[in-house]
Amino acid sequence: MIASDILLDAFTRVHDSLHRTLSDITAEELVKEPHPSIGWLAWRISRVMDSNVSRLSGRDQLWIGEGWAARFGMPPEPADYGRSARHAREQVNSFRASARQLLDYHDAAYERMKTYLTSVSADELARELDEPQYDPRPTVAVRLVSVLENAMTNEGQISYVKAYHRLGGWVPREAKDPASVRRQNHAVILTTRGESGEIRNLSTQNLNLCLPLVGSHFYVFVITKHGSEAAWGRTATGNRDCVACLAIRSHSPSSNCLLRIRS
């Protein structure tokens, strides 16, 4: 379904961007003025995603059911996701969490969102929510777009504040190391038949790598320069236009991309 595919692609971009911007963040930068801080903004992205997708899918929030509130040292309050009416300036300023903690929670929320979007039907997306305070009442699709808008807004704020700390504003070209503002990655591709290739500037773009894949079944292994590894396999269709897709995951920094291998 094209609607859910577009939503999933957009949430994946938020996920990748958050990993990229937090990959080399310092503990000081996470809490540094101006507020809301980078750390609080990153937390809010995941909280809004978690609370909404959990409600839409009829499941307990990860924040409560999986103990994330306790890990953050915060109360298991389901409505606590950073709304202005809930968090006073003092609460925002006192927020503390490590980059690893923030990314782990976001990964959990993203995986739940991905699971939901890969199975949601057109009828479910068109379903009106029982929220009479809004006129017209929002549909599931409208709510998901609202969650996405919030995530993209907060991620944009994080990127700007990070650049402000390091460069005095959003001027990456002035950085001695532009990768410190927008991280790039390399990866080595190996198949079970011994073919190999290298990808540079790994990102969320579609990549085409020509490898002579022989046989109807193969696996692809990806090893980034940071030592992370991912594997994916599928049965080929048997024709010469076979396309394989691989989601590459790296713990530090994140590199979730789509690899297309064509025989």
C-alpha atoms as a PDB file:
ATOM      1  CA  MET A   1       0.000   0.000   0.000  1.00  0.00           C
ATOM      2  CA  ILE A   2       1.547   3.265  -1.119  1.00  0.00           C
ATOM      3  CA  ALA A   3       0.254   5.355   1.828  1.00  0.00           C
ATOM      4  CA  SER A   4       1.783   3.123   4.484  1.00  0.00           C
ATOM      5  CA  ASP A   5       4.955   2.718   2.414  1.00  0.00           C
ATOM      6  CA  ILE A   6       5.391   6.492   2.288  1.00  0.00           C
ATOM      7  CA  LEU A   7       4.806   6.796   6.029  1.00  0.00           C
ATOM      8  CA  LEU A   8       7.302   4.029   6.755  1.00  0.00           C
ATOM      9  CA  ASP A   9       9.904   5.645   4.518  1.00  0.00           C
ATOM     10  CA  ALA A  10       9.401   8.973   6.309  1.00  0.00           C
ATOM     11  CA  PHE A  11       9.668   7.476   9.810  1.00  0.00           C
ATOM     12  CA  THR A  12      12.774   5.583   8.693  1.00  0.00           C
ATOM     13  CA  ARG A  13      14.355   8.855   7.635  1.00  0.00           C
ATOM     14  CA  VAL A  14      13.643  10.317  11.059  1.00  0.00           C
ATOM     15  CA  HIS A  15      15.200   7.226  12.651  1.00  0.00           C
ATOM     16  CA  ASP A  16      18.322   7.493  10.488  1.00  0.00           C
ATOM     17  CA  SER A  17      18.644  11.236  11.039  1.00  0.00           C
ATOM     18  CA  LEU A  18      18.409  10.873  14.813  1.00  0.00           C
ATOM     19  CA  HIS A  19      21.125   8.218  14.809  1.00  0.00           C
ATOM     20  CA  ARG A  20      23.296  10.422  12.603  1.00  0.00           C
ATOM     21  CA  THR A  21      22.932  13.541  14.732  1.00  0.00           C
ATOM     22  CA  LEU A  22      23.445  11.725  18.042  1.00  0.00           C
ATOM     23  CA  SER A  23      26.254   9.446  16.866  1.00  0.00           C
ATOM     24  CA  ASP A  24      29.027  11.767  18.051  1.00  0.00           C
ATOM     25  CA  ILE A  25      27.108  14.021  20.429  1.00  0.00           C
ATOM     26  CA  THR A  26      28.796  14.840  23.718  1.00  0.00           C
ATOM     27  CA  ALA A  27      27.241  14.598  27.163  1.00  0.00           C
ATOM     28  CA  GLU A  28      27.579  18.369  27.488  1.00  0.00           C
ATOM     29  CA  GLU A  29      25.832  19.026  24.169  1.00  0.00           C
ATOM     30  CA  LEU A  30      22.886  16.856  25.211  1.00  0.00           C
ATOM     31  CA  VAL A  31      21.980  19.215  28.056  1.00  0.00           C
ATOM     32  CA  LYS A  32      23.495  22.513  26.945  1.00  0.00           C
ATOM     33  CA  GLU A  33      21.468  25.705  26.438  1.00  0.00           C
ATOM     34  CA  PRO A  34      19.365  26.706  24.595  1.00  0.00           C
ATOM     35  CA  HIS A  35      16.483  24.686  25.985  1.00  0.00           C
ATOM     36  CA  PRO A  36      14.695  22.466  25.199  1.00  0.00           C
ATOM     37  CA  SER A  37      17.990  20.635  24.962  1.00  0.00           C
ATOM     38  CA  ILE A  38      19.033  18.110  22.348  1.00  0.00           C
ATOM     39  CA  GLY A  39      18.510  15.286  24.834  1.00  0.00           C
ATOM     40  CA  TRP A  40      14.959  16.330  25.722  1.00  0.00           C
ATOM     41  CA  LEU A  41      14.013  16.834  22.062  1.00  0.00           C
ATOM     42  CA  ALA A  42      15.319  13.353  21.181  1.00  0.00           C
ATOM     43  CA  TRP A  43      13.327  11.862  24.060  1.00  0.00           C
ATOM     44  CA  ARG A  44      10.176  13.635  22.902  1.00  0.00           C
ATOM     45  CA  ILE A  45      10.423  12.223  19.368  1.00  0.00           C
ATOM     46  CA  SER A  46      10.347   8.686  20.740  1.00  0.00           C
ATOM     47  CA  ARG A  47       7.718   9.348  23.414  1.00  0.00           C
ATOM     48  CA  VAL A  48       5.246  10.792  20.920  1.00  0.00           C
ATOM     49  CA  MET A  49       5.850   7.896  18.537  1.00  0.00           C
ATOM     50  CA  ASP A  50       5.545   5.284  21.287  1.00  0.00           C
ATOM     51  CA  SER A  51       2.389   6.690  22.883  1.00  0.00           C
ATOM     52  CA  ASN A  52       0.543   7.093  19.585  1.00  0.00           C
ATOM     53  CA  VAL A  53       1.492   3.906  17.740  1.00  0.00           C
ATOM     54  CA  SER A  54       0.902   1.849  20.886  1.00  0.00           C
ATOM     55  CA  ARG A  55      -2.584   3.285  21.240  1.00  0.00           C
ATOM     56  CA  LEU A  56      -3.378   2.756  17.554  1.00  0.00           C
ATOM     57  CA  SER A  57      -2.211  -0.861  17.709  1.00  0.00           C
ATOM     58  CA  GLY A  58      -3.989  -1.574  21.006  1.00  0.00           C
ATOM     59  CA  ARG A  59      -0.835  -2.299  22.979  1.00  0.00           C
ATOM     60  CA  ASP A  60       0.711  -1.024  26.185  1.00  0.00           C
ATOM     61  CA  GLN A  61       3.216   1.743  25.679  1.00  0.00           C
ATOM     62  CA  LEU A  62       6.840   0.670  25.638  1.00  0.00           C
ATOM     63  CA  TRP A  63       7.408   3.487  28.128  1.00  0.00           C
ATOM     64  CA  ILE A  64       5.331   1.558  30.667  1.00  0.00           C
ATOM     65  CA  GLY A  65       5.050  -2.068  29.558  1.00  0.00           C
ATOM     66  CA  GLU A  66       8.734  -2.476  28.703  1.00  0.00           C
ATOM     67  CA  GLY A  67      10.030  -0.461  31.646  1.00  0.00           C
ATOM     68  CA  TRP A  68      11.511   2.463  29.733  1.00  0.00           C
ATOM     69  CA  ALA A  69      10.156   4.995  32.233  1.00  0.00           C
ATOM     70  CA  ALA A  70      12.127   3.301  35.017  1.00  0.00           C
ATOM     71  CA  ARG A  71      15.269   3.255  32.888  1.00  0.00           C
ATOM     72  CA  PHE A  72      14.958   7.011  32.435  1.00  0.00           C
ATOM     73  CA  GLY A  73      14.206   7.502  36.118  1.00  0.00           C
ATOM     74  CA  MET A  74      10.794   8.987  35.321  1.00  0.00           C
ATOM     75  CA  PRO A  75       7.254   8.050  36.434  1.00  0.00           C
ATOM     76  CA  PRO A  76       5.332   5.580  34.205  1.00  0.00           C
ATOM     77  CA  GLU A  77       2.796   8.192  33.173  1.00  0.00           C
ATOM     78  CA  PRO A  78       1.140   7.329  29.830  1.00  0.00           C
ATOM     79  CA  ALA A  79       0.256  10.953  29.036  1.00  0.00           C
ATOM     80  CA  ASP A  80       3.770  12.214  29.763  1.00  0.00           C
ATOM     81  CA  TYR A  81       5.272  12.789  26.360  1.00  0.00           C
ATOM     82  CA  GLY A  82       6.496  16.340  26.531  1.00  0.00           C
ATOM     83  CA  ARG A  83       3.374  18.340  25.873  1.00  0.00           C
ATOM     84  CA  SER A  84       3.798  21.959  26.953  1.00  0.00           C
ATOM     85  CA  ALA A  85       1.028  21.514  29.510  1.00  0.00           C
ATOM     86  CA  ARG A  86       2.919  18.641  31.096  1.00  0.00           C
ATOM     87  CA  HIS A  87       6.540  19.756  31.164  1.00  0.00           C
ATOM     88  CA  ALA A  88       7.438  23.027  32.817  1.00  0.00           C
ATOM     89  CA  ARG A  89      10.691  24.792  32.003  1.00  0.00           C
ATOM     90  CA  GLU A  90      12.293  23.338  35.126  1.00  0.00           C
ATOM     91  CA  GLN A  91      11.444  19.779  34.049  1.00  0.00           C
ATOM     92  CA  VAL A  92      12.855  20.343  30.599  1.00  0.00           C
ATOM     93  CA  ASN A  93      16.043  21.873  31.968  1.00  0.00           C
ATOM     94  CA  SER A  94      16.613  19.033  34.440  1.00  0.00           C
ATOM     95  CA  PHE A  95      16.177  16.213  31.888  1.00  0.00           C
ATOM     96  CA  ARG A  96      19.179  13.881  31.722  1.00  0.00           C
ATOM     97  CA  ALA A  97      19.794  10.800  29.557  1.00  0.00           C
ATOM     98  CA  SER A  98      22.716   9.403  27.594  1.00  0.00           C
ATOM     99  CA  ALA A  99      22.795   9.285  23.804  1.00  0.00           C
ATOM    100  CA  ARG A 100      22.827   5.479  23.934  1.00  0.00           C
ATOM    101  CA  GLN A 101      19.757   5.455  26.152  1.00  0.00           C
ATOM    102  CA  LEU A 102      17.923   7.865  23.864  1.00  0.00           C
ATOM    103  CA  LEU A 103      18.768   5.870  20.741  1.00  0.00           C
ATOM    104  CA  ASP A 104      17.837   2.543  22.320  1.00  0.00           C
ATOM    105  CA  TYR A 105      14.403   3.847  23.252  1.00  0.00           C
ATOM    106  CA  HIS A 106      13.963   5.366  19.810  1.00  0.00           C
ATOM    107  CA  ASP A 107      14.938   2.077  18.158  1.00  0.00           C
ATOM    108  CA  ALA A 108      12.235   0.294  20.181  1.00  0.00           C
ATOM    109  CA  ALA A 109       9.607   2.894  19.247  1.00  0.00           C
ATOM    110  CA  TYR A 110      10.659   2.822  15.599  1.00  0.00           C
ATOM    111  CA  GLU A 111      10.447  -0.971  15.436  1.00  0.00           C
ATOM    112  CA  ARG A 112       6.920  -0.829  16.828  1.00  0.00           C
ATOM    113  CA  MET A 113       5.971   1.821  14.289  1.00  0.00           C
ATOM    114  CA  LYS A 114       7.497  -0.232  11.470  1.00  0.00           C
ATOM    115  CA  THR A 115       5.616  -3.356  12.546  1.00  0.00           C
ATOM    116  CA  TYR A 116       2.369  -1.420  12.609  1.00  0.00           C
ATOM    117  CA  LEU A 117       2.843   0.247   9.233  1.00  0.00           C
ATOM    118  CA  THR A 118       3.815  -2.959   7.439  1.00  0.00           C
ATOM    119  CA  SER A 119       0.464  -4.520   8.331  1.00  0.00           C
ATOM    120  CA  VAL A 120      -1.992  -1.609   8.521  1.00  0.00           C
ATOM    121  CA  SER A 121      -4.901  -1.734   6.057  1.00  0.00           C
ATOM    122  CA  ALA A 122      -6.480   1.035   4.008  1.00  0.00           C
ATOM    123  CA  ASP A 123      -9.659   0.719   6.045  1.00  0.00           C
ATOM    124  CA  GLU A 124      -7.693   1.158   9.271  1.00  0.00           C
ATOM    125  CA  LEU A 125      -5.942   4.260   7.945  1.00  0.00           C
ATOM    126  CA  ALA A 126      -9.340   5.754   7.078  1.00  0.00           C
ATOM    127  CA  ARG A 127     -10.865   4.947  10.484  1.00  0.00           C
ATOM    128  CA  GLU A 128     -11.982   7.965  12.484  1.00  0.00           C
ATOM    129  CA  LEU A 129     -10.658   8.229  16.012  1.00  0.00           C
ATOM    130  CA  ASP A 130     -13.056   8.707  18.902  1.00  0.00           C
ATOM    131  CA  GLU A 131     -11.846  12.203  19.695  1.00  0.00           C
ATOM    132  CA  PRO A 132     -14.885  14.515  19.592  1.00  0.00           C
ATOM    133  CA  GLN A 133     -12.780  17.460  20.800  1.00  0.00           C
ATOM    134  CA  TYR A 134     -11.588  17.791  17.211  1.00  0.00           C
ATOM    135  CA  ASP A 135     -13.770  18.848  14.296  1.00  0.00           C
ATOM    136  CA  PRO A 136     -13.475  17.097  11.967  1.00  0.00           C
ATOM    137  CA  ARG A 137     -12.389  14.030  13.882  1.00  0.00           C
ATOM    138  CA  PRO A 138      -8.941  12.832  12.843  1.00  0.00           C
ATOM    139  CA  THR A 139      -8.455   9.570  11.051  1.00  0.00           C
ATOM    140  CA  VAL A 140      -5.648   7.130  11.829  1.00  0.00           C
ATOM    141  CA  ALA A 141      -3.783   8.443   8.779  1.00  0.00           C
ATOM    142  CA  VAL A 142      -4.127  12.043   9.976  1.00  0.00           C
ATOM    143  CA  ARG A 143      -2.812  11.089  13.402  1.00  0.00           C
ATOM    144  CA  LEU A 144       0.206   9.328  11.910  1.00  0.00           C
ATOM    145  CA  VAL A 145       1.004  12.405   9.826  1.00  0.00           C
ATOM    146  CA  SER A 146       0.778  14.524  12.990  1.00  0.00           C
ATOM    147  CA  VAL A 147       3.220  12.194  14.751  1.00  0.00           C
ATOM    148  CA  LEU A 148       5.534  12.388  11.737  1.00  0.00           C
ATOM    149  CA  GLU A 149       5.335  16.184  11.640  1.00  0.00           C
ATOM    150  CA  ASN A 150       6.294  16.321  15.308  1.00  0.00           C
ATOM    151  CA  ALA A 151       9.238  13.957  14.773  1.00  0.00           C
ATOM    152  CA  MET A 152      10.569  15.892  11.798  1.00  0.00           C
ATOM    153  CA  THR A 153      10.182  19.197  13.639  1.00  0.00           C
ATOM    154  CA  ASN A 154      12.064  17.946  16.693  1.00  0.00           C
ATOM    155  CA  GLU A 155      14.793  16.320  14.585  1.00  0.00           C
ATOM    156  CA  GLY A 156      15.257  19.576  12.686  1.00  0.00           C
ATOM    157  CA  GLN A 157      15.579  21.411  15.985  1.00  0.00           C
ATOM    158  CA  ILE A 158      18.193  18.895  17.152  1.00  0.00           C
ATOM    159  CA  SER A 159      20.253  19.311  13.973  1.00  0.00           C
ATOM    160  CA  TYR A 160      20.131  23.087  14.241  1.00  0.00           C
ATOM    161  CA  VAL A 161      21.052  23.203  17.938  1.00  0.00           C
ATOM    162  CA  LYS A 162      23.951  20.800  17.348  1.00  0.00           C
ATOM    163  CA  ALA A 163      25.277  23.004  14.549  1.00  0.00           C
ATOM    164  CA  TYR A 164      24.714  26.076  16.723  1.00  0.00           C
ATOM    165  CA  HIS A 165      26.872  24.572  19.474  1.00  0.00           C
ATOM    166  CA  ARG A 166      29.673  23.688  17.072  1.00  0.00           C
ATOM    167  CA  LEU A 167      29.500  26.376  14.390  1.00  0.00           C
ATOM    168  CA  GLY A 168      27.364  29.155  15.801  1.00  0.00           C
ATOM    169  CA  GLY A 169      24.576  28.338  13.338  1.00  0.00           C
ATOM    170  CA  TRP A 170      23.543  26.034  10.502  1.00  0.00           C
ATOM    171  CA  VAL A 171      26.623  26.524   8.292  1.00  0.00           C
ATOM    172  CA  PRO A 172      28.122  23.017   7.823  1.00  0.00           C
ATOM    173  CA  ARG A 173      30.554  24.222   5.132  1.00  0.00           C
ATOM    174  CA  GLU A 174      32.411  26.205   7.771  1.00  0.00           C
ATOM    175  CA  ALA A 175      33.145  23.093   9.789  1.00  0.00           C
ATOM    176  CA  LYS A 176      36.678  21.724   9.626  1.00  0.00           C
ATOM    177  CA  ASP A 177      35.078  18.287   9.632  1.00  0.00           C
ATOM    178  CA  PRO A 178      31.632  18.489   7.962  1.00  0.00           C
ATOM    179  CA  ALA A 179      31.047  14.858   8.970  1.00  0.00           C
ATOM    180  CA  SER A 180      30.852  16.045  12.572  1.00  0.00           C
ATOM    181  CA  VAL A 181      27.584  17.729  11.637  1.00  0.00           C
ATOM    182  CA  ARG A 182      26.346  15.186   9.095  1.00  0.00           C
ATOM    183  CA  ARG A 183      27.992  11.803   9.518  1.00  0.00           C
ATOM    184  CA  GLN A 184      28.934   9.649   6.526  1.00  0.00           C
ATOM    185  CA  ASN A 185      29.738   5.948   6.534  1.00  0.00           C
ATOM    186  CA  HIS A 186      31.444   3.338   4.408  1.00  0.00           C
ATOM    187  CA  ALA A 187      30.559  -0.332   4.150  1.00  0.00           C
ATOM    188  CA  VAL A 188      32.010  -3.454   2.564  1.00  0.00           C
ATOM    189  CA  ILE A 189      29.597  -5.844   0.828  1.00  0.00           C
ATOM    190  CA  LEU A 190      30.326  -9.577   0.714  1.00  0.00           C
ATOM    191  CA  THR A 191      28.144 -12.336  -0.702  1.00  0.00           C
ATOM    192  CA  THR A 192      28.318 -16.019   0.143  1.00  0.00           C
ATOM    193  CA  ARG A 193      29.815 -16.672  -3.266  1.00  0.00           C
ATOM    194  CA  GLY A 194      32.819 -14.446  -2.607  1.00  0.00           C
ATOM    195  CA  GLU A 195      31.908 -11.375  -4.648  1.00  0.00           C
ATOM    196  CA  SER A 196      32.581  -8.087  -2.920  1.00  0.00           C
ATOM    197  CA  GLY A 197      32.110  -4.383  -3.349  1.00  0.00           C
ATOM    198  CA  GLU A 198      32.399  -1.185  -1.360  1.00  0.00           C
ATOM    199  CA  ILE A 199      29.791   1.470  -0.657  1.00  0.00           C
ATOM    200  CA  ARG A 200      30.905   4.967   0.251  1.00  0.00           C
ATOM    201  CA  ASN A 201      28.860   7.704   1.849  1.00  0.00           C
ATOM    202  CA  LEU A 202      26.303   5.234   3.119  1.00  0.00           C
ATOM    203  CA  SER A 203      22.899   6.853   3.555  1.00  0.00           C
ATOM    204  CA  THR A 204      19.189   6.173   3.097  1.00  0.00           C
ATOM    205  CA  GLN A 205      19.394   6.446  -0.671  1.00  0.00           C
ATOM    206  CA  ASN A 206      18.866   3.448  -2.934  1.00  0.00           C
ATOM    207  CA  LEU A 207      22.189   1.918  -3.912  1.00  0.00           C
ATOM    208  CA  ASN A 208      22.887  -0.175  -6.989  1.00  0.00           C
ATOM    209  CA  LEU A 209      25.757  -2.659  -6.822  1.00  0.00           C
ATOM    210  CA  CYS A 210      26.431  -4.948  -9.778  1.00  0.00           C
ATOM    211  CA  LEU A 211      27.519  -8.393  -8.608  1.00  0.00           C
ATOM    212  CA  PRO A 212      27.425 -11.660 -10.605  1.00  0.00           C
ATOM    213  CA  LEU A 213      25.061 -13.590  -8.347  1.00  0.00           C
ATOM    214  CA  VAL A 214      24.915 -17.220  -9.421  1.00  0.00           C
ATOM    215  CA  GLY A 215      22.314 -19.627  -8.085  1.00  0.00           C
ATOM    216  CA  SER A 216      18.850 -19.225  -6.646  1.00  0.00           C
ATOM    217  CA  HIS A 217      19.774 -18.506  -3.022  1.00  0.00           C
ATOM    218  CA  PHE A 218      22.324 -16.176  -1.549  1.00  0.00           C
ATOM    219  CA  TYR A 219      23.150 -14.101   1.481  1.00  0.00           C
ATOM    220  CA  VAL A 220      24.702 -10.683   1.710  1.00  0.00           C
ATOM    221  CA  PHE A 221      26.840  -9.515   4.614  1.00  0.00           C
ATOM    222  CA  VAL A 222      27.622  -5.907   5.347  1.00  0.00           C
ATOM    223  CA  ILE A 223      30.496  -4.823   7.568  1.00  0.00           C
ATOM    224  CA  THR A 224      30.883  -1.108   8.235  1.00  0.00           C
ATOM    225  CA  LYS A 225      34.188   0.540   9.064  1.00  0.00           C
ATOM    226  CA  HIS A 226      32.967   0.709  12.659  1.00  0.00           C
ATOM    227  CA  GLY A 227      32.739  -3.069  12.868  1.00  0.00           C
ATOM    228  CA  SER A 228      28.961  -3.405  12.752  1.00  0.00           C
ATOM    229  CA  GLU A 229      27.564  -6.272  10.750  1.00  0.00           C
ATOM    230  CA  ALA A 230      24.204  -7.068   9.209  1.00  0.00           C
ATOM    231  CA  ALA A 231      23.005 -10.006   7.114  1.00  0.00           C
ATOM    232  CA  TRP A 232      20.068 -10.557   4.804  1.00  0.00           C
ATOM    233  CA  GLY A 233      19.085 -13.386   2.451  1.00  0.00           C
ATOM    234  CA  ARG A 234      16.362 -14.280  -0.011  1.00  0.00           C
ATOM    235  CA  THR A 235      15.551 -16.725  -2.775  1.00  0.00           C
ATOM    236  CA  ALA A 236      16.095 -15.219  -6.162  1.00  0.00           C
ATOM    237  CA  THR A 237      13.434 -15.350  -8.854  1.00  0.00           C
ATOM    238  CA  GLY A 238      15.777 -17.138 -11.232  1.00  0.00           C
ATOM    239  CA  ASN A 239      15.789 -14.444 -13.897  1.00  0.00           C
ATOM    240  CA  ARG A 240      18.663 -12.130 -14.776  1.00  0.00           C
ATOM    241  CA  ASP A 241      16.820  -9.091 -13.411  1.00  0.00           C
ATOM    242  CA  CYS A 242      16.871 -10.255  -9.836  1.00  0.00           C
ATOM    243  CA  VAL A 243      16.892  -7.461  -7.252  1.00  0.00           C
ATOM    244  CA  ALA A 244      17.824  -8.002  -3.614  1.00  0.00           C
ATOM    245  CA  CYS A 245      17.147  -5.440  -0.914  1.00  0.00           C
ATOM    246  CA  LEU A 246      19.184  -5.178   2.266  1.00  0.00           C
ATOM    247  CA  ALA A 247      18.558  -2.982   5.295  1.00  0.00           C
ATOM    248  CA  ILE A 248      21.983  -2.179   6.700  1.00  0.00           C
ATOM    249  CA  ARG A 249      22.097  -1.493  10.417  1.00  0.00           C
ATOM    250  CA  SER A 250      25.045  -0.122  12.334  1.00  0.00           C
ATOM    251  CA  HIS A 251      25.161   0.585  16.053  1.00  0.00           C
ATOM    252  CA  SER A 252      27.529   3.564  15.861  1.00  0.00           C
ATOM    253  CA  PRO A 253      26.855   5.509  13.848  1.00  0.00           C
ATOM    254  CA  SER A 254      23.547   4.381  12.387  1.00  0.00           C
ATOM    255  CA  SER A 255      23.486   3.425   8.736  1.00  0.00           C
ATOM    256  CA  ASN A 256      20.100   2.112   7.704  1.00  0.00           C
ATOM    257  CA  CYS A 257      19.969   2.057   3.941  1.00  0.00           C
ATOM    258  CA  LEU A 258      18.426   0.122   1.107  1.00  0.00           C
ATOM    259  CA  LEU A 259      20.906  -1.889  -0.945  1.00  0.00           C
ATOM    260  CA  ARG A 260      19.793  -3.151  -4.337  1.00  0.00           C
ATOM    261  CA  ILE A 261      21.853  -5.929  -5.879  1.00  0.00           C
ATOM    262  CA  ARG A 262      21.078  -6.659  -9.533  1.00  0.00           C
ATOM    263  CA  SER A 263      22.414  -9.724 -11.338  1.00  0.00           C
END
